[in-house]
Amino acid sequence: MTDYILSIDQGTTSSRAILFNRDGRSEHSAQKEFYNIFPMMAGLKVGHDPDDIWRTVENTCKNVIAALDNSTDTIKAIGITNHLKLH
Protein backbone atom coordinates (compact mmCIF):
# COMPACT_ATOMS: atom_id res chain seq x y z
CA MET A 1 0.00 0.00 0.00
CA THR A 2 1.36 3.41 -0.98
CA ASP A 3 1.44 6.39 1.38
CA TYR A 4 0.48 9.80 -0.03
CA ILE A 5 0.82 13.49 0.64
CA LEU A 6 -2.21 15.57 -0.31
CA SER A 7 -1.11 18.94 -1.63
CA ILE A 8 -3.58 21.81 -1.99
CA ASP A 9 -2.42 24.53 -4.38
CA GLN A 10 -4.51 27.68 -4.00
CA GLY A 11 -3.98 29.91 -6.99
CA THR A 12 -5.37 33.23 -8.14
CA THR A 13 -7.83 31.69 -10.58
CA SER A 14 -8.25 28.09 -9.42
CA SER A 15 -7.78 25.48 -6.71
CA ARG A 16 -5.86 22.29 -7.31
CA ALA A 17 -5.39 19.12 -5.24
CA ILE A 18 -2.55 16.70 -5.98
CA LEU A 19 -1.68 13.33 -4.42
CA PHE A 20 2.05 12.67 -4.33
CA ASN A 21 3.46 9.21 -3.64
CA ARG A 22 6.52 8.38 -1.50
CA ASP A 23 8.81 9.02 -4.49
CA GLY A 24 7.43 12.54 -4.92
CA ARG A 25 5.57 11.65 -8.10
CA SER A 26 2.12 13.06 -8.77
CA GLU A 27 -0.37 10.20 -9.02
CA HIS A 28 -3.75 11.97 -9.02
CA SER A 29 -4.77 15.58 -9.45
CA ALA A 30 -7.86 17.72 -9.88
CA GLN A 31 -8.25 21.40 -10.71
CA LYS A 32 -11.27 23.72 -10.55
CA GLU A 33 -11.45 27.37 -11.54
CA PHE A 34 -13.43 29.91 -9.51
CA TYR A 35 -15.02 33.25 -10.30
CA ASN A 36 -12.87 36.39 -10.22
CA ILE A 37 -14.37 39.71 -9.11
CA PHE A 38 -12.90 42.84 -10.64
CA PRO A 39 -14.00 45.74 -8.42
CA MET A 40 -13.63 49.27 -9.70
CA MET A 41 -13.08 50.82 -6.29
CA ALA A 42 -10.41 51.32 -3.66
CA GLY A 43 -7.64 50.37 -6.07
CA LEU A 44 -8.45 46.64 -5.84
CA LYS A 45 -7.42 44.67 -8.88
CA VAL A 46 -9.19 41.37 -8.24
CA GLY A 47 -11.26 39.79 -5.50
CA HIS A 48 -12.73 36.39 -4.70
CA ASP A 49 -15.70 34.99 -2.85
CA PRO A 50 -14.28 32.89 0.01
CA ASP A 51 -17.18 30.43 -0.32
CA ASP A 52 -16.22 29.83 -3.98
CA ILE A 53 -12.64 29.18 -2.95
CA TRP A 54 -13.71 26.75 -0.21
CA ARG A 55 -16.07 24.86 -2.54
CA THR A 56 -13.34 24.39 -5.16
CA VAL A 57 -10.84 23.20 -2.55
CA GLU A 58 -13.37 20.76 -1.13
CA ASN A 59 -14.35 19.53 -4.61
CA THR A 60 -10.79 18.95 -5.81
CA CYS A 61 -9.80 17.15 -2.60
CA LYS A 62 -12.83 14.88 -2.82
CA ASN A 63 -11.99 14.19 -6.46
CA VAL A 64 -8.45 12.96 -5.77
CA ILE A 65 -9.56 11.04 -2.66
CA ALA A 66 -12.09 9.24 -4.87
CA ALA A 67 -9.09 7.91 -6.81
CA LEU A 68 -8.14 6.12 -3.57
CA ASP A 69 -11.60 4.51 -3.37
CA ASN A 70 -12.54 7.24 -0.86
CA SER A 71 -10.10 5.87 1.71
CA THR A 72 -8.02 8.50 3.49
CA ASP A 73 -5.96 5.92 5.43
CA THR A 74 -2.99 6.23 3.11
CA ILE A 75 -2.85 10.04 3.24
CA LYS A 76 -0.10 10.72 5.76
CA ALA A 77 0.20 14.51 5.44
CA ILE A 78 -1.54 17.52 3.93
CA GLY A 79 0.23 20.65 2.68
CA ILE A 80 -1.15 23.88 1.29
CA THR A 81 0.40 26.63 -0.76
CA ASN A 82 -0.99 29.86 -2.08
CA HIS A 83 0.21 32.61 -4.35
CA LEU A 84 0.63 36.11 -3.04
CA LYS A 85 1.83 38.98 -5.16
CA LEU A 86 3.25 41.88 -3.21
CA HIS A 87 3.43 45.33 -4.76
PDB file of N, CA and C in Angstrom:
ATOM      1  N   MET A   1       0.842  -1.178   0.000  1.00  0.00           N
ATOM      2  CA  MET A   1       0.000   0.000   0.000  1.00  0.00           C
ATOM      3  C   MET A   1       0.890   1.244   0.000  1.00  0.00           C
ATOM      4  N   THR A   2       0.572   2.190  -0.840  1.00  0.00           N
ATOM      5  CA  THR A   2       1.359   3.412  -0.976  1.00  0.00           C
ATOM      6  C   THR A   2       0.850   4.489  -0.028  1.00  0.00           C
ATOM      7  N   ASP A   3       1.782   5.225   0.568  1.00  0.00           N
ATOM      8  CA  ASP A   3       1.438   6.393   1.376  1.00  0.00           C
ATOM      9  C   ASP A   3       1.445   7.623   0.472  1.00  0.00           C
ATOM     10  N   TYR A   4       0.598   8.597   0.792  1.00  0.00           N
ATOM     11  CA  TYR A   4       0.477   9.797  -0.030  1.00  0.00           C
ATOM     12  C   TYR A   4       0.565  11.065   0.801  1.00  0.00           C
ATOM     13  N   ILE A   5       0.941  12.138   0.125  1.00  0.00           N
ATOM     14  CA  ILE A   5       0.820  13.494   0.642  1.00  0.00           C
ATOM     15  C   ILE A   5      -0.219  14.183  -0.228  1.00  0.00           C
ATOM     16  N   LEU A   6      -1.210  14.790   0.411  1.00  0.00           N
ATOM     17  CA  LEU A   6      -2.211  15.565  -0.310  1.00  0.00           C
ATOM     18  C   LEU A   6      -1.755  17.019  -0.307  1.00  0.00           C
ATOM     19  N   SER A   7      -1.543  17.562  -1.486  1.00  0.00           N
ATOM     20  CA  SER A   7      -1.110  18.944  -1.631  1.00  0.00           C
ATOM     21  C   SER A   7      -2.267  19.767  -2.184  1.00  0.00           C
ATOM     22  N   ILE A   8      -2.549  20.884  -1.534  1.00  0.00           N
ATOM     23  CA  ILE A   8      -3.576  21.812  -1.994  1.00  0.00           C
ATOM     24  C   ILE A   8      -2.853  23.059  -2.495  1.00  0.00           C
ATOM     25  N   ASP A   9      -3.049  23.363  -3.762  1.00  0.00           N
ATOM     26  CA  ASP A   9      -2.421  24.531  -4.378  1.00  0.00           C
ATOM     27  C   ASP A   9      -3.512  25.560  -4.642  1.00  0.00           C
ATOM     28  N   GLN A  10      -3.501  26.634  -3.868  1.00  0.00           N
ATOM     29  CA  GLN A  10      -4.511  27.677  -3.997  1.00  0.00           C
ATOM     30  C   GLN A  10      -3.969  28.797  -4.851  1.00  0.00           C
ATOM     31  N   GLY A  11      -4.455  28.900  -6.065  1.00  0.00           N
ATOM     32  CA  GLY A  11      -3.981  29.915  -6.991  1.00  0.00           C
ATOM     33  C   GLY A  11      -4.906  31.112  -7.063  1.00  0.00           C
ATOM     34  N   THR A  12      -4.585  32.014  -7.953  1.00  0.00           N
ATOM     35  CA  THR A  12      -5.369  33.229  -8.137  1.00  0.00           C
ATOM     36  C   THR A  12      -6.668  32.958  -8.884  1.00  0.00           C
ATOM     37  N   THR A  13      -6.654  31.957  -9.749  1.00  0.00           N
ATOM     38  CA  THR A  13      -7.831  31.693 -10.575  1.00  0.00           C
ATOM     39  C   THR A  13      -8.424  30.309 -10.372  1.00  0.00           C
ATOM     40  N   SER A  14      -7.739  29.445  -9.608  1.00  0.00           N
ATOM     41  CA  SER A  14      -8.249  28.090  -9.419  1.00  0.00           C
ATOM     42  C   SER A  14      -7.655  27.437  -8.182  1.00  0.00           C
ATOM     43  N   SER A  15      -8.296  26.346  -7.780  1.00  0.00           N
ATOM     44  CA  SER A  15      -7.783  25.484  -6.708  1.00  0.00           C
ATOM     45  C   SER A  15      -7.385  24.166  -7.338  1.00  0.00           C
ATOM     46  N   ARG A  16      -6.347  23.560  -6.787  1.00  0.00           N
ATOM     47  CA  ARG A  16      -5.861  22.287  -7.306  1.00  0.00           C
ATOM     48  C   ARG A  16      -5.497  21.393  -6.123  1.00  0.00           C
ATOM     49  N   ALA A  17      -5.806  20.114  -6.237  1.00  0.00           N
ATOM     50  CA  ALA A  17      -5.391  19.116  -5.244  1.00  0.00           C
ATOM     51  C   ALA A  17      -4.563  18.060  -5.976  1.00  0.00           C
ATOM     52  N   ILE A  18      -3.461  17.668  -5.361  1.00  0.00           N
ATOM     53  CA  ILE A  18      -2.554  16.696  -5.980  1.00  0.00           C
ATOM     54  C   ILE A  18      -2.152  15.673  -4.929  1.00  0.00           C
ATOM     55  N   LEU A  19      -2.198  14.393  -5.288  1.00  0.00           N
ATOM     56  CA  LEU A  19      -1.684  13.333  -4.422  1.00  0.00           C
ATOM     57  C   LEU A  19      -0.293  12.936  -4.913  1.00  0.00           C
ATOM     58  N   PHE A  20       0.682  13.072  -4.028  1.00  0.00           N
ATOM     59  CA  PHE A  20       2.050  12.673  -4.333  1.00  0.00           C
ATOM     60  C   PHE A  20       2.368  11.373  -3.607  1.00  0.00           C
ATOM     61  N   ASN A  21       3.064  10.459  -4.280  1.00  0.00           N
ATOM     62  CA  ASN A  21       3.463   9.207  -3.643  1.00  0.00           C
ATOM     63  C   ASN A  21       4.779   9.395  -2.894  1.00  0.00           C
ATOM     64  N   ARG A  22       5.283   8.321  -2.296  1.00  0.00           N
ATOM     65  CA  ARG A  22       6.523   8.380  -1.504  1.00  0.00           C
ATOM     66  C   ARG A  22       7.732   8.841  -2.311  1.00  0.00           C
ATOM     67  N   ASP A  23       7.697   8.620  -3.624  1.00  0.00           N
ATOM     68  CA  ASP A  23       8.806   9.016  -4.491  1.00  0.00           C
ATOM     69  C   ASP A  23       8.681  10.462  -4.968  1.00  0.00           C
ATOM     70  N   GLY A  24       7.634  11.161  -4.528  1.00  0.00           N
ATOM     71  CA  GLY A  24       7.428  12.543  -4.921  1.00  0.00           C
ATOM     72  C   GLY A  24       6.768  12.696  -6.282  1.00  0.00           C
ATOM     73  N   ARG A  25       6.250  11.609  -6.805  1.00  0.00           N
ATOM     74  CA  ARG A  25       5.570  11.652  -8.101  1.00  0.00           C
ATOM     75  C   ARG A  25       4.076  11.933  -7.910  1.00  0.00           C
ATOM     76  N   SER A  26       3.551  12.765  -8.783  1.00  0.00           N
ATOM     77  CA  SER A  26       2.125  13.058  -8.766  1.00  0.00           C
ATOM     78  C   SER A  26       1.370  11.856  -9.319  1.00  0.00           C
ATOM     79  N   GLU A  27       0.403  11.357  -8.563  1.00  0.00           N
ATOM     80  CA  GLU A  27      -0.372  10.203  -9.019  1.00  0.00           C
ATOM     81  C   GLU A  27      -1.795  10.561  -9.403  1.00  0.00           C
ATOM     82  N   HIS A  28      -2.379  11.546  -8.728  1.00  0.00           N
ATOM     83  CA  HIS A  28      -3.745  11.972  -9.024  1.00  0.00           C
ATOM     84  C   HIS A  28      -3.826  13.475  -8.802  1.00  0.00           C
ATOM     85  N   SER A  29      -4.583  14.146  -9.656  1.00  0.00           N
ATOM     86  CA  SER A  29      -4.766  15.583  -9.449  1.00  0.00           C
ATOM     87  C   SER A  29      -6.136  16.012  -9.969  1.00  0.00           C
ATOM     88  N   ALA A  30      -6.601  17.130  -9.439  1.00  0.00           N
ATOM     89  CA  ALA A  30      -7.855  17.724  -9.878  1.00  0.00           C
ATOM     90  C   ALA A  30      -7.702  19.236  -9.767  1.00  0.00           C
ATOM     91  N   GLN A  31      -8.336  19.956 -10.684  1.00  0.00           N
ATOM     92  CA  GLN A  31      -8.247  21.403 -10.706  1.00  0.00           C
ATOM     93  C   GLN A  31      -9.622  21.980 -11.018  1.00  0.00           C
ATOM     94  N   LYS A  32      -9.969  23.084 -10.338  1.00  0.00           N
ATOM     95  CA  LYS A  32     -11.265  23.724 -10.549  1.00  0.00           C
ATOM     96  C   LYS A  32     -11.084  25.238 -10.480  1.00  0.00           C
ATOM     97  N   GLU A  33     -11.514  25.919 -11.530  1.00  0.00           N
ATOM     98  CA  GLU A  33     -11.454  27.375 -11.538  1.00  0.00           C
ATOM     99  C   GLU A  33     -12.587  27.960 -10.698  1.00  0.00           C
ATOM    100  N   PHE A  34     -12.376  29.191 -10.226  1.00  0.00           N
ATOM    101  CA  PHE A  34     -13.432  29.905  -9.514  1.00  0.00           C
ATOM    102  C   PHE A  34     -13.558  31.317 -10.077  1.00  0.00           C
ATOM    103  N   TYR A  35     -14.670  31.945  -9.756  1.00  0.00           N
ATOM    104  CA  TYR A  35     -15.020  33.253 -10.299  1.00  0.00           C
ATOM    105  C   TYR A  35     -14.113  34.343  -9.732  1.00  0.00           C
ATOM    106  N   ASN A  36     -13.660  35.225 -10.617  1.00  0.00           N
ATOM    107  CA  ASN A  36     -12.871  36.388 -10.215  1.00  0.00           C
ATOM    108  C   ASN A  36     -13.762  37.628 -10.231  1.00  0.00           C
ATOM    109  N   ILE A  37     -13.611  38.466  -9.221  1.00  0.00           N
ATOM    110  CA  ILE A  37     -14.369  39.708  -9.112  1.00  0.00           C
ATOM    111  C   ILE A  37     -13.395  40.853  -9.395  1.00  0.00           C
ATOM    112  N   PHE A  38     -13.762  41.724 -10.292  1.00  0.00           N
ATOM    113  CA  PHE A  38     -12.901  42.840 -10.640  1.00  0.00           C
ATOM    114  C   PHE A  38     -13.555  44.149 -10.198  1.00  0.00           C
ATOM    115  N   PRO A  39     -13.366  44.522  -8.931  1.00  0.00           N
ATOM    116  CA  PRO A  39     -13.999  45.739  -8.424  1.00  0.00           C
ATOM    117  C   PRO A  39     -13.349  46.990  -9.024  1.00  0.00           C
ATOM    118  N   MET A  40     -14.130  48.011  -9.153  1.00  0.00           N
ATOM    119  CA  MET A  40     -13.626  49.268  -9.698  1.00  0.00           C
ATOM    120  C   MET A  40     -13.509  50.323  -8.588  1.00  0.00           C
ATOM    121  N   MET A  41     -13.177  49.866  -7.381  1.00  0.00           N
ATOM    122  CA  MET A  41     -13.082  50.816  -6.288  1.00  0.00           C
ATOM    123  C   MET A  41     -11.881  50.491  -5.395  1.00  0.00           C
ATOM    124  N   ALA A  42     -11.454  51.461  -4.680  1.00  0.00           N
ATOM    125  CA  ALA A  42     -10.406  51.318  -3.656  1.00  0.00           C
ATOM    126  C   ALA A  42      -9.106  50.734  -4.205  1.00  0.00           C
ATOM    127  N   GLY A  43      -8.887  50.835  -5.493  1.00  0.00           N
ATOM    128  CA  GLY A  43      -7.637  50.369  -6.070  1.00  0.00           C
ATOM    129  C   GLY A  43      -7.479  48.864  -6.103  1.00  0.00           C
ATOM    130  N   LEU A  44      -8.539  48.106  -5.809  1.00  0.00           N
ATOM    131  CA  LEU A  44      -8.454  46.645  -5.836  1.00  0.00           C
ATOM    132  C   LEU A  44      -8.404  46.164  -7.271  1.00  0.00           C
ATOM    133  N   LYS A  45      -7.556  45.200  -7.544  1.00  0.00           N
ATOM    134  CA  LYS A  45      -7.418  44.669  -8.885  1.00  0.00           C
ATOM    135  C   LYS A  45      -8.282  43.432  -9.109  1.00  0.00           C
ATOM    136  N   VAL A  46      -8.374  42.569  -8.112  1.00  0.00           N
ATOM    137  CA  VAL A  46      -9.193  41.366  -8.243  1.00  0.00           C
ATOM    138  C   VAL A  46      -9.604  40.905  -6.850  1.00  0.00           C
ATOM    139  N   GLY A  47     -10.769  40.321  -6.762  1.00  0.00           N
ATOM    140  CA  GLY A  47     -11.257  39.789  -5.496  1.00  0.00           C
ATOM    141  C   GLY A  47     -11.881  38.426  -5.722  1.00  0.00           C
ATOM    142  N   HIS A  48     -12.157  37.731  -4.621  1.00  0.00           N
ATOM    143  CA  HIS A  48     -12.735  36.392  -4.701  1.00  0.00           C
ATOM    144  C   HIS A  48     -13.749  36.201  -3.586  1.00  0.00           C
ATOM    145  N   ASP A  49     -14.732  35.378  -3.858  1.00  0.00           N
ATOM    146  CA  ASP A  49     -15.703  34.993  -2.852  1.00  0.00           C
ATOM    147  C   ASP A  49     -15.092  33.830  -2.067  1.00  0.00           C
ATOM    148  N   PRO A  50     -14.904  33.969  -0.761  1.00  0.00           N
ATOM    149  CA  PRO A  50     -14.283  32.887   0.007  1.00  0.00           C
ATOM    150  C   PRO A  50     -15.064  31.572  -0.049  1.00  0.00           C
ATOM    151  N   ASP A  51     -16.382  31.658  -0.197  1.00  0.00           N
ATOM    152  CA  ASP A  51     -17.178  30.430  -0.322  1.00  0.00           C
ATOM    153  C   ASP A  51     -16.855  29.697  -1.624  1.00  0.00           C
ATOM    154  N   ASP A  52     -16.636  30.457  -2.710  1.00  0.00           N
ATOM    155  CA  ASP A  52     -16.222  29.827  -3.976  1.00  0.00           C
ATOM    156  C   ASP A  52     -14.888  29.122  -3.825  1.00  0.00           C
ATOM    157  N   ILE A  53     -13.952  29.788  -3.154  1.00  0.00           N
ATOM    158  CA  ILE A  53     -12.636  29.177  -2.946  1.00  0.00           C
ATOM    159  C   ILE A  53     -12.787  27.889  -2.144  1.00  0.00           C
ATOM    160  N   TRP A  54     -13.531  27.946  -1.046  1.00  0.00           N
ATOM    161  CA  TRP A  54     -13.706  26.754  -0.214  1.00  0.00           C
ATOM    162  C   TRP A  54     -14.343  25.610  -0.998  1.00  0.00           C
ATOM    163  N   ARG A  55     -15.396  25.910  -1.773  1.00  0.00           N
ATOM    164  CA  ARG A  55     -16.072  24.862  -2.542  1.00  0.00           C
ATOM    165  C   ARG A  55     -15.120  24.196  -3.540  1.00  0.00           C
ATOM    166  N   THR A  56     -14.262  24.981  -4.191  1.00  0.00           N
ATOM    167  CA  THR A  56     -13.344  24.386  -5.161  1.00  0.00           C
ATOM    168  C   THR A  56     -12.262  23.562  -4.475  1.00  0.00           C
ATOM    169  N   VAL A  57     -11.808  24.000  -3.312  1.00  0.00           N
ATOM    170  CA  VAL A  57     -10.835  23.203  -2.552  1.00  0.00           C
ATOM    171  C   VAL A  57     -11.472  21.879  -2.127  1.00  0.00           C
ATOM    172  N   GLU A  58     -12.670  21.959  -1.573  1.00  0.00           N
ATOM    173  CA  GLU A  58     -13.370  20.757  -1.132  1.00  0.00           C
ATOM    174  C   GLU A  58     -13.624  19.797  -2.305  1.00  0.00           C
ATOM    175  N   ASN A  59     -14.051  20.346  -3.427  1.00  0.00           N
ATOM    176  CA  ASN A  59     -14.349  19.534  -4.605  1.00  0.00           C
ATOM    177  C   ASN A  59     -13.105  18.831  -5.154  1.00  0.00           C
ATOM    178  N   THR A  60     -12.003  19.566  -5.262  1.00  0.00           N
ATOM    179  CA  THR A  60     -10.789  18.951  -5.813  1.00  0.00           C
ATOM    180  C   THR A  60     -10.208  17.904  -4.866  1.00  0.00           C
ATOM    181  N   CYS A  61     -10.287  18.151  -3.562  1.00  0.00           N
ATOM    182  CA  CYS A  61      -9.803  17.153  -2.597  1.00  0.00           C
ATOM    183  C   CYS A  61     -10.650  15.885  -2.663  1.00  0.00           C
ATOM    184  N   LYS A  62     -11.954  16.052  -2.711  1.00  0.00           N
ATOM    185  CA  LYS A  62     -12.835  14.880  -2.822  1.00  0.00           C
ATOM    186  C   LYS A  62     -12.560  14.106  -4.105  1.00  0.00           C
ATOM    187  N   ASN A  63     -12.264  14.830  -5.177  1.00  0.00           N
ATOM    188  CA  ASN A  63     -11.993  14.189  -6.465  1.00  0.00           C
ATOM    189  C   ASN A  63     -10.753  13.297  -6.396  1.00  0.00           C
ATOM    190  N   VAL A  64      -9.665  13.799  -5.823  1.00  0.00           N
ATOM    191  CA  VAL A  64      -8.454  12.963  -5.768  1.00  0.00           C
ATOM    192  C   VAL A  64      -8.587  11.850  -4.729  1.00  0.00           C
ATOM    193  N   ILE A  65      -9.331  12.091  -3.656  1.00  0.00           N
ATOM    194  CA  ILE A  65      -9.558  11.038  -2.660  1.00  0.00           C
ATOM    195  C   ILE A  65     -10.398   9.918  -3.270  1.00  0.00           C
ATOM    196  N   ALA A  66     -11.293  10.266  -4.184  1.00  0.00           N
ATOM    197  CA  ALA A  66     -12.090   9.238  -4.873  1.00  0.00           C
ATOM    198  C   ALA A  66     -11.185   8.281  -5.651  1.00  0.00           C
ATOM    199  N   ALA A  67     -10.049   8.769  -6.107  1.00  0.00           N
ATOM    200  CA  ALA A  67      -9.093   7.907  -6.814  1.00  0.00           C
ATOM    201  C   ALA A  67      -8.495   6.851  -5.877  1.00  0.00           C
ATOM    202  N   LEU A  68      -8.610   7.088  -4.581  1.00  0.00           N
ATOM    203  CA  LEU A  68      -8.136   6.125  -3.570  1.00  0.00           C
ATOM    204  C   LEU A  68      -9.303   5.312  -3.029  1.00  0.00           C
ATOM    205  N   ASP A  69     -10.369   5.202  -3.797  1.00  0.00           N
ATOM    206  CA  ASP A  69     -11.596   4.512  -3.372  1.00  0.00           C
ATOM    207  C   ASP A  69     -12.160   5.131  -2.093  1.00  0.00           C
ATOM    208  N   ASN A  70     -12.019   6.456  -1.985  1.00  0.00           N
ATOM    209  CA  ASN A  70     -12.539   7.241  -0.859  1.00  0.00           C
ATOM    210  C   ASN A  70     -11.942   6.853   0.492  1.00  0.00           C
ATOM    211  N   SER A  71     -10.787   6.219   0.466  1.00  0.00           N
ATOM    212  CA  SER A  71     -10.096   5.867   1.706  1.00  0.00           C
ATOM    213  C   SER A  71      -9.001   6.886   1.975  1.00  0.00           C
ATOM    214  N   THR A  72      -9.047   7.516   3.132  1.00  0.00           N
ATOM    215  CA  THR A  72      -8.019   8.497   3.486  1.00  0.00           C
ATOM    216  C   THR A  72      -6.911   7.883   4.339  1.00  0.00           C
ATOM    217  N   ASP A  73      -6.950   6.580   4.577  1.00  0.00           N
ATOM    218  CA  ASP A  73      -5.961   5.917   5.433  1.00  0.00           C
ATOM    219  C   ASP A  73      -4.536   6.072   4.944  1.00  0.00           C
ATOM    220  N   THR A  74      -4.346   6.171   3.643  1.00  0.00           N
ATOM    221  CA  THR A  74      -2.986   6.232   3.111  1.00  0.00           C
ATOM    222  C   THR A  74      -2.469   7.664   2.963  1.00  0.00           C
ATOM    223  N   ILE A  75      -3.310   8.655   3.262  1.00  0.00           N
ATOM    224  CA  ILE A  75      -2.852  10.044   3.238  1.00  0.00           C
ATOM    225  C   ILE A  75      -2.189  10.333   4.578  1.00  0.00           C
ATOM    226  N   LYS A  76      -0.887  10.558   4.529  1.00  0.00           N
ATOM    227  CA  LYS A  76      -0.105  10.721   5.758  1.00  0.00           C
ATOM    228  C   LYS A  76       0.160  12.178   6.126  1.00  0.00           C
ATOM    229  N   ALA A  77      -0.019  13.090   5.164  1.00  0.00           N
ATOM    230  CA  ALA A  77       0.203  14.511   5.435  1.00  0.00           C
ATOM    231  C   ALA A  77      -0.578  15.339   4.418  1.00  0.00           C
ATOM    232  N   ILE A  78      -0.868  16.580   4.810  1.00  0.00           N
ATOM    233  CA  ILE A  78      -1.538  17.518   3.927  1.00  0.00           C
ATOM    234  C   ILE A  78      -0.735  18.817   3.954  1.00  0.00           C
ATOM    235  N   GLY A  79      -0.474  19.365   2.780  1.00  0.00           N
ATOM    236  CA  GLY A  79       0.232  20.648   2.679  1.00  0.00           C
ATOM    237  C   GLY A  79      -0.590  21.597   1.839  1.00  0.00           C
ATOM    238  N   ILE A  80      -0.436  22.886   2.081  1.00  0.00           N
ATOM    239  CA  ILE A  80      -1.151  23.877   1.293  1.00  0.00           C
ATOM    240  C   ILE A  80      -0.195  24.992   0.907  1.00  0.00           C
ATOM    241  N   THR A  81      -0.374  25.477  -0.294  1.00  0.00           N
ATOM    242  CA  THR A  81       0.405  26.626  -0.756  1.00  0.00           C
ATOM    243  C   THR A  81      -0.548  27.597  -1.430  1.00  0.00           C
ATOM    244  N   ASN A  82      -0.207  28.867  -1.358  1.00  0.00           N
ATOM    245  CA  ASN A  82      -0.994  29.864  -2.078  1.00  0.00           C
ATOM    246  C   ASN A  82      -0.042  30.851  -2.729  1.00  0.00           C
ATOM    247  N   HIS A  83      -0.592  31.648  -3.590  1.00  0.00           N
ATOM    248  CA  HIS A  83       0.207  32.611  -4.347  1.00  0.00           C
ATOM    249  C   HIS A  83      -0.156  34.013  -3.873  1.00  0.00           C
ATOM    250  N   LEU A  84       0.836  34.753  -3.517  1.00  0.00           N
ATOM    251  CA  LEU A  84       0.632  36.111  -3.038  1.00  0.00           C
ATOM    252  C   LEU A  84       1.572  37.032  -3.787  1.00  0.00           C
ATOM    253  N   LYS A  85       1.011  38.018  -4.424  1.00  0.00           N
ATOM    254  CA  LYS A  85       1.826  38.983  -5.157  1.00  0.00           C
ATOM    255  C   LYS A  85       1.873  40.267  -4.342  1.00  0.00           C
ATOM    256  N   LEU A  86       3.077  40.645  -3.957  1.00  0.00           N
ATOM    257  CA  LEU A  86       3.249  41.883  -3.207  1.00  0.00           C
ATOM    258  C   LEU A  86       3.638  43.005  -4.162  1.00  0.00           C
ATOM    259  N   HIS A  87       3.125  44.182  -3.889  1.00  0.00           N
ATOM    260  CA  HIS A  87       3.427  45.329  -4.764  1.00  0.00           C
ATOM    261  C   HIS A  87       4.440  46.218  -4.080  1.00  0.00           C
TER     262      HIS A  87
END
